[in-house]
Amino acid sequence: MGRFDHKDLLSMDQLSVEDIDLVLDTAESLKEISTRDIKKVPTLRGKGIVNFFYEPSTRTRTSFEMAAKRLSADTVSLSASGSSMVKGETFIDTARNLQAMSPDLIILRHSSSGAPHLIAREVAAGVINAGDGINEHPTQALLDLFTIREKKGTIEGLNIVIVGDIAHSRVARSNIKGMTKMGAKVTVSGPPTMIPVGVESMGVRVDYDPASAVQGQDVIMMLRIQLERHGKFLMPSLREYASFFGLSGEMMRNVREDAIVMHPGPINRGVEISSEIADSPCSVILEQVTNGVAVRMAVLYLLIGGAGRDSVD
């Protein structure tokens, strides 16, 4: 096994192709643990992990907690409403107080872009970015890459389209970085108001017509509209958005038979994706959730478990 020479995981920018391959390979070996009768190994026994989620989360928070517990780490979960920040304590002071308790790792989700980078400079513990504002969500990108590789056998050379609210999506940003780094050809599609100006500089192609954009693609990734990040709605109505940009059975008639459909969740049925497609054989949405535990187990292990060991059992 190679080495993962990082204190923190803050951005897909910091990962090389070799780093990404190492995470995916490690996740592949760890995924089997979740199928055992006793779903636990002692790999991180004695390690302390703090889950600090300043924003609501179901999949990411539960996935990280499950990953830590399956590796036998001790975990503590905090939310902003349950911390001293409601009493006026600053974000940095909260982080320093957490560090004073000597955790090995702090997993942070925050509504402000750059927040994980800020505390990573202030604490000795490793920091994982579990989503910061509209900036990045690296472990989501890694689990998406793992799912694509698992279903397609490779990432290099694949045609991938991401459809939806690209401008406000940290998932899109991290995935574009990871997918292009791994050799995929990426197209983005959505309303012009939801496509960042100059996104082509990230190495992607823009196609404003989703029916055209999905044709010939190996992977179709749908994104929800980030209504909580909009100052105002950027389409006349959800119904109009669904009729033009929602992935429906009619739109899927023009795609490759072996194309897979992905979504980072939570899905809004009938808006960006129909129930017919979300529940169809081409959908790997629930497999993404399953793979999220394995990938996060791999990230925890590589950051604080002593990467370079011959075995993780």
Protein backbone atom coordinates (compact mmCIF):
# COMPACT_ATOMS: atom_id res chain seq x y z
CA MET A 1 0.00 0.00 0.00
CA GLY A 2 1.25 3.49 -0.84
CA ARG A 3 1.46 6.42 1.51
CA PHE A 4 -1.08 9.18 1.96
CA ASP A 5 1.05 12.12 3.02
CA HIS A 6 -1.63 14.56 4.07
CA LYS A 7 -2.63 15.89 7.50
CA ASP A 8 -6.02 17.07 6.23
CA LEU A 9 -8.48 16.41 3.41
CA LEU A 10 -9.78 19.82 2.43
CA SER A 11 -10.00 19.86 -1.36
CA MET A 12 -9.70 17.61 -4.39
CA ASP A 13 -6.98 20.01 -5.53
CA GLN A 14 -4.55 18.56 -2.99
CA LEU A 15 -4.95 14.96 -4.21
CA SER A 16 -2.82 13.50 -6.98
CA VAL A 17 -4.03 10.73 -9.28
CA GLU A 18 -2.01 8.34 -7.12
CA ASP A 19 -3.71 9.64 -3.96
CA ILE A 20 -7.15 9.13 -5.47
CA ASP A 21 -6.25 5.63 -6.65
CA LEU A 22 -5.00 4.83 -3.14
CA VAL A 23 -8.26 5.99 -1.54
CA LEU A 24 -10.35 4.00 -4.03
CA ASP A 25 -8.21 0.86 -3.69
CA THR A 26 -8.33 1.10 0.11
CA ALA A 27 -12.10 1.58 0.03
CA GLU A 28 -12.42 -1.50 -2.16
CA SER A 29 -10.62 -3.60 0.43
CA LEU A 30 -12.62 -2.09 3.32
CA LYS A 31 -16.06 -2.40 1.71
CA GLU A 32 -16.19 -6.09 2.61
CA ILE A 33 -16.24 -5.25 6.34
CA SER A 34 -19.78 -3.87 5.98
CA THR A 35 -21.00 -7.26 4.73
CA ARG A 36 -19.77 -9.21 7.77
CA ASP A 37 -21.99 -10.36 10.62
CA ILE A 38 -19.73 -8.36 12.97
CA LYS A 39 -19.17 -5.11 11.09
CA LYS A 40 -16.15 -3.90 13.02
CA VAL A 41 -12.35 -4.11 12.92
CA PRO A 42 -9.92 -2.71 15.52
CA THR A 43 -7.93 -0.61 13.06
CA LEU A 44 -8.56 2.79 14.70
CA ARG A 45 -9.02 1.62 18.29
CA GLY A 46 -7.94 4.41 20.64
CA LYS A 47 -8.30 7.16 18.02
CA GLY A 48 -10.65 10.06 18.73
CA ILE A 49 -12.82 11.67 16.05
CA VAL A 50 -15.06 14.73 16.41
CA ASN A 51 -17.94 15.20 13.95
CA PHE A 52 -18.72 18.93 13.99
CA PHE A 53 -21.65 19.65 11.68
CA TYR A 54 -22.54 23.33 11.56
CA GLU A 55 -25.10 22.56 8.80
CA PRO A 56 -27.83 19.91 8.71
CA SER A 57 -26.82 16.56 7.23
CA THR A 58 -28.17 13.02 7.09
CA ARG A 59 -26.08 10.95 4.68
CA THR A 60 -22.68 12.55 5.23
CA ARG A 61 -22.89 12.74 9.01
CA THR A 62 -24.27 9.21 9.44
CA SER A 63 -21.80 7.87 6.90
CA PHE A 64 -18.81 9.33 8.74
CA GLU A 65 -20.12 8.09 12.11
CA MET A 66 -20.69 4.61 10.70
CA ALA A 67 -17.25 4.59 9.07
CA ALA A 68 -15.52 5.61 12.31
CA LYS A 69 -17.38 3.06 14.42
CA ARG A 70 -16.68 0.23 11.98
CA LEU A 71 -12.98 1.01 12.43
CA SER A 72 -13.44 1.11 16.26
CA ALA A 73 -12.65 4.81 16.67
CA ASP A 74 -14.16 6.81 19.54
CA THR A 75 -16.53 9.43 18.14
CA VAL A 76 -18.19 12.58 19.47
CA SER A 77 -20.81 14.44 17.42
CA LEU A 78 -21.55 18.15 17.76
CA SER A 79 -23.88 20.54 16.03
CA ALA A 80 -23.67 24.33 16.11
CA SER A 81 -26.90 24.50 18.10
CA GLY A 82 -25.44 22.14 20.68
CA SER A 83 -22.11 23.91 21.04
CA SER A 84 -20.98 27.00 22.94
CA MET A 85 -21.25 28.99 19.72
CA VAL A 86 -24.86 29.69 20.69
CA LYS A 87 -23.43 31.42 23.78
CA GLY A 88 -21.26 33.71 21.70
CA GLU A 89 -18.05 31.68 21.45
CA THR A 90 -16.25 32.23 18.15
CA PHE A 91 -15.76 29.47 15.61
CA ILE A 92 -11.98 29.55 16.11
CA ASP A 93 -12.28 29.39 19.89
CA THR A 94 -14.62 26.42 19.59
CA ALA A 95 -12.06 24.68 17.37
CA ARG A 96 -9.23 25.45 19.80
CA ASN A 97 -11.25 24.06 22.69
CA LEU A 98 -11.92 20.90 20.74
CA GLN A 99 -8.18 20.63 20.04
CA ALA A 100 -7.47 20.98 23.76
CA MET A 101 -9.24 17.63 24.20
CA SER A 102 -6.66 16.03 21.85
CA PRO A 103 -8.81 14.52 19.09
CA ASP A 104 -6.99 12.89 16.20
CA LEU A 105 -9.42 14.16 13.60
CA ILE A 106 -12.12 16.82 13.24
CA ILE A 107 -14.73 16.31 10.53
CA LEU A 108 -16.31 19.66 9.72
CA ARG A 109 -19.33 20.75 7.71
CA HIS A 110 -19.88 24.49 7.60
CA SER A 111 -22.03 26.94 5.66
CA SER A 112 -19.06 29.23 4.98
CA SER A 113 -16.66 28.37 2.17
CA GLY A 114 -13.12 27.99 3.51
CA ALA A 115 -14.08 27.23 7.12
CA PRO A 116 -12.27 23.84 7.20
CA HIS A 117 -9.13 25.45 5.76
CA LEU A 118 -9.28 28.08 8.51
CA ILE A 119 -9.40 25.65 11.42
CA ALA A 120 -6.88 23.29 9.80
CA ARG A 121 -4.32 26.06 10.32
CA GLU A 122 -5.33 26.44 13.97
CA VAL A 123 -5.43 22.84 15.21
CA ALA A 124 -2.96 19.98 15.36
CA ALA A 125 -5.69 17.43 14.62
CA GLY A 126 -6.38 16.41 11.06
CA VAL A 127 -9.37 18.11 9.45
CA ILE A 128 -11.75 16.64 6.88
CA ASN A 129 -13.92 18.97 4.85
CA ALA A 130 -17.41 17.42 4.92
CA GLY A 131 -18.78 20.28 2.82
CA ASP A 132 -18.05 24.00 3.06
CA GLY A 133 -20.55 26.44 1.61
CA ILE A 134 -20.55 26.28 -2.18
CA ASN A 135 -16.86 25.43 -2.28
CA GLU A 136 -16.11 21.69 -2.05
CA HIS A 137 -17.17 18.28 -0.73
CA PRO A 138 -14.16 16.03 -1.43
CA THR A 139 -15.38 12.78 0.16
CA GLN A 140 -18.57 12.96 -1.93
CA ALA A 141 -16.45 13.24 -5.06
CA LEU A 142 -14.32 10.30 -3.93
CA LEU A 143 -17.34 8.08 -3.30
CA ASP A 144 -18.76 9.09 -6.68
CA LEU A 145 -15.46 8.20 -8.37
CA PHE A 146 -15.43 4.89 -6.50
CA THR A 147 -18.98 4.10 -7.67
CA ILE A 148 -18.15 4.99 -11.27
CA ARG A 149 -15.01 2.83 -11.23
CA GLU A 150 -16.93 -0.03 -9.62
CA LYS A 151 -19.69 0.09 -12.26
CA LYS A 152 -17.58 0.93 -15.32
CA GLY A 153 -14.20 -0.60 -14.45
CA THR A 154 -12.39 2.67 -15.11
CA ILE A 155 -12.79 6.44 -15.01
CA GLU A 156 -10.28 7.44 -17.67
CA GLY A 157 -11.88 8.13 -21.04
CA LEU A 158 -15.48 8.07 -19.80
CA ASN A 159 -17.98 10.69 -20.89
CA ILE A 160 -19.71 12.19 -17.84
CA VAL A 161 -22.41 14.86 -17.71
CA ILE A 162 -23.42 16.81 -14.59
CA VAL A 163 -26.84 18.44 -14.86
CA GLY A 164 -28.36 21.00 -12.53
CA ASP A 165 -27.35 23.85 -10.25
CA ILE A 166 -23.62 23.81 -11.00
CA ALA A 167 -22.99 27.34 -9.70
CA HIS A 168 -24.09 26.62 -6.13
CA SER A 169 -22.98 22.98 -5.89
CA ARG A 170 -19.87 22.04 -3.88
CA VAL A 171 -20.43 18.47 -5.09
CA ALA A 172 -20.16 19.58 -8.72
CA ARG A 173 -16.99 21.52 -8.00
CA SER A 174 -15.23 18.61 -6.29
CA ASN A 175 -16.44 16.11 -8.87
CA ILE A 176 -15.28 18.20 -11.81
CA LYS A 177 -11.82 18.41 -10.25
CA GLY A 178 -11.69 14.69 -9.50
CA MET A 179 -13.20 13.45 -12.74
CA THR A 180 -11.02 15.57 -15.01
CA LYS A 181 -7.93 14.68 -12.97
CA MET A 182 -8.74 10.99 -13.49
CA GLY A 183 -9.07 11.43 -17.26
CA ALA A 184 -12.84 11.67 -17.78
CA LYS A 185 -14.45 14.04 -20.29
CA VAL A 186 -16.94 16.16 -18.38
CA THR A 187 -19.90 18.16 -19.68
CA VAL A 188 -22.05 20.41 -17.50
CA SER A 189 -25.62 21.40 -18.26
CA GLY A 190 -28.28 23.53 -16.62
CA PRO A 191 -30.00 26.90 -16.88
CA PRO A 192 -27.58 29.71 -17.79
CA THR A 193 -28.33 31.29 -14.41
CA MET A 194 -26.98 28.16 -12.70
CA ILE A 195 -23.79 27.71 -14.76
CA PRO A 196 -20.75 29.60 -13.39
CA VAL A 197 -19.17 32.14 -15.71
CA GLY A 198 -15.88 30.75 -17.02
CA VAL A 199 -16.54 27.17 -15.86
CA GLU A 200 -14.83 26.00 -19.06
CA SER A 201 -11.52 26.93 -17.40
CA MET A 202 -12.03 23.86 -15.18
CA GLY A 203 -11.70 21.66 -18.25
CA VAL A 204 -15.38 21.01 -18.92
CA ARG A 205 -17.71 21.54 -21.85
CA VAL A 206 -20.99 23.46 -21.42
CA ASP A 207 -24.22 22.36 -23.12
CA TYR A 208 -27.30 24.32 -22.05
CA ASP A 209 -29.63 21.75 -23.63
CA PRO A 210 -29.88 18.78 -21.22
CA ALA A 211 -31.53 16.51 -23.81
CA SER A 212 -28.48 17.01 -26.01
CA ALA A 213 -26.02 16.92 -23.10
CA VAL A 214 -27.03 13.42 -21.92
CA GLN A 215 -26.67 11.80 -25.33
CA GLY A 216 -23.66 9.47 -25.60
CA GLN A 217 -22.75 9.86 -21.93
CA ASP A 218 -21.54 6.93 -19.83
CA VAL A 219 -22.50 8.62 -16.57
CA ILE A 220 -25.32 11.09 -15.89
CA MET A 221 -25.12 12.93 -12.57
CA MET A 222 -28.15 14.96 -11.53
CA LEU A 223 -27.95 17.73 -8.91
CA ARG A 224 -30.70 19.31 -6.86
CA ILE A 225 -31.38 23.02 -6.96
CA GLN A 226 -29.62 24.61 -3.98
CA LEU A 227 -32.58 26.78 -2.99
CA GLU A 228 -31.07 27.50 0.44
CA ARG A 229 -28.07 29.17 -1.26
CA HIS A 230 -30.03 31.34 -3.70
CA GLY A 231 -30.84 34.94 -2.97
CA LYS A 232 -33.83 34.33 -5.25
CA PHE A 233 -35.05 31.47 -7.40
CA LEU A 234 -33.16 31.41 -10.69
CA MET A 235 -35.97 29.84 -12.74
CA PRO A 236 -39.58 31.00 -13.10
CA SER A 237 -40.86 27.92 -11.24
CA LEU A 238 -39.92 24.42 -10.11
CA ARG A 239 -42.41 23.03 -12.61
CA GLU A 240 -40.67 24.80 -15.48
CA TYR A 241 -37.27 23.63 -14.23
CA ALA A 242 -38.55 20.03 -14.07
CA SER A 243 -39.99 20.17 -17.58
CA PHE A 244 -36.75 21.44 -19.13
CA PHE A 245 -33.97 20.02 -16.94
CA GLY A 246 -35.50 17.11 -15.01
CA LEU A 247 -34.28 13.64 -15.96
CA SER A 248 -37.36 11.77 -17.15
CA GLY A 249 -38.10 8.58 -19.03
CA GLU A 250 -38.54 10.61 -22.19
CA MET A 251 -35.06 12.14 -21.91
CA MET A 252 -33.53 8.73 -21.11
CA ARG A 253 -34.72 7.33 -24.46
CA ASN A 254 -31.77 9.05 -26.12
CA VAL A 255 -29.01 7.85 -23.78
CA ARG A 256 -26.70 4.86 -23.95
CA GLU A 257 -28.26 1.60 -22.77
CA ASP A 258 -25.42 1.05 -20.29
CA ALA A 259 -25.43 4.60 -18.90
CA ILE A 260 -25.67 4.93 -15.12
CA VAL A 261 -27.57 7.66 -13.29
CA MET A 262 -26.14 9.23 -10.14
CA HIS A 263 -27.31 11.79 -7.59
CA PRO A 264 -25.52 12.91 -4.40
CA GLY A 265 -28.83 13.35 -2.56
CA PRO A 266 -31.12 14.42 -1.19
CA ILE A 267 -33.18 13.88 -4.33
CA ASN A 268 -36.24 15.96 -5.12
CA ARG A 269 -38.47 13.52 -6.96
CA GLY A 270 -40.31 15.10 -9.84
CA VAL A 271 -37.96 18.07 -9.99
CA GLU A 272 -34.43 17.14 -11.09
CA ILE A 273 -35.23 13.45 -11.46
CA SER A 274 -38.41 11.43 -11.86
CA SER A 275 -39.23 8.52 -9.56
CA GLU A 276 -39.28 6.32 -12.65
CA ILE A 277 -35.58 6.98 -13.22
CA ALA A 278 -34.49 7.26 -9.58
CA ASP A 279 -35.83 3.75 -8.91
CA SER A 280 -34.79 2.19 -12.22
CA PRO A 281 -31.99 -0.38 -12.81
CA CYS A 282 -29.76 2.33 -14.31
CA SER A 283 -29.81 4.27 -11.02
CA VAL A 284 -26.86 3.77 -8.64
CA ILE A 285 -28.06 6.35 -6.10
CA LEU A 286 -28.33 3.93 -3.18
CA GLU A 287 -25.04 2.29 -4.16
CA GLN A 288 -23.43 5.70 -3.78
CA VAL A 289 -24.68 5.79 -0.18
CA THR A 290 -23.32 2.29 0.50
CA ASN A 291 -19.98 3.18 -1.06
CA GLY A 292 -19.82 6.37 0.99
CA VAL A 293 -19.21 4.37 4.14
CA ALA A 294 -16.36 2.40 2.55
CA VAL A 295 -14.73 5.50 1.07
CA ARG A 296 -14.94 7.40 4.35
CA MET A 297 -13.50 4.41 6.17
CA ALA A 298 -10.61 4.57 3.71
CA VAL A 299 -10.08 8.30 4.25
CA LEU A 300 -10.12 7.93 8.05
CA TYR A 301 -7.68 5.04 7.87
CA LEU A 302 -5.31 6.81 5.50
CA LEU A 303 -5.29 10.04 7.53
CA ILE A 304 -4.90 8.66 11.07
CA GLY A 305 -4.57 4.89 10.84
CA GLY A 306 -0.99 4.67 9.71
CA ALA A 307 -1.14 4.28 5.94
CA GLY A 308 1.57 2.02 4.70
CA ARG A 309 0.59 -0.96 6.83
CA ASP A 310 0.32 -4.23 5.02
CA SER A 311 -3.15 -4.96 6.39
CA VAL A 312 -6.18 -3.11 7.65
CA ASP A 313 -7.90 -6.16 9.17
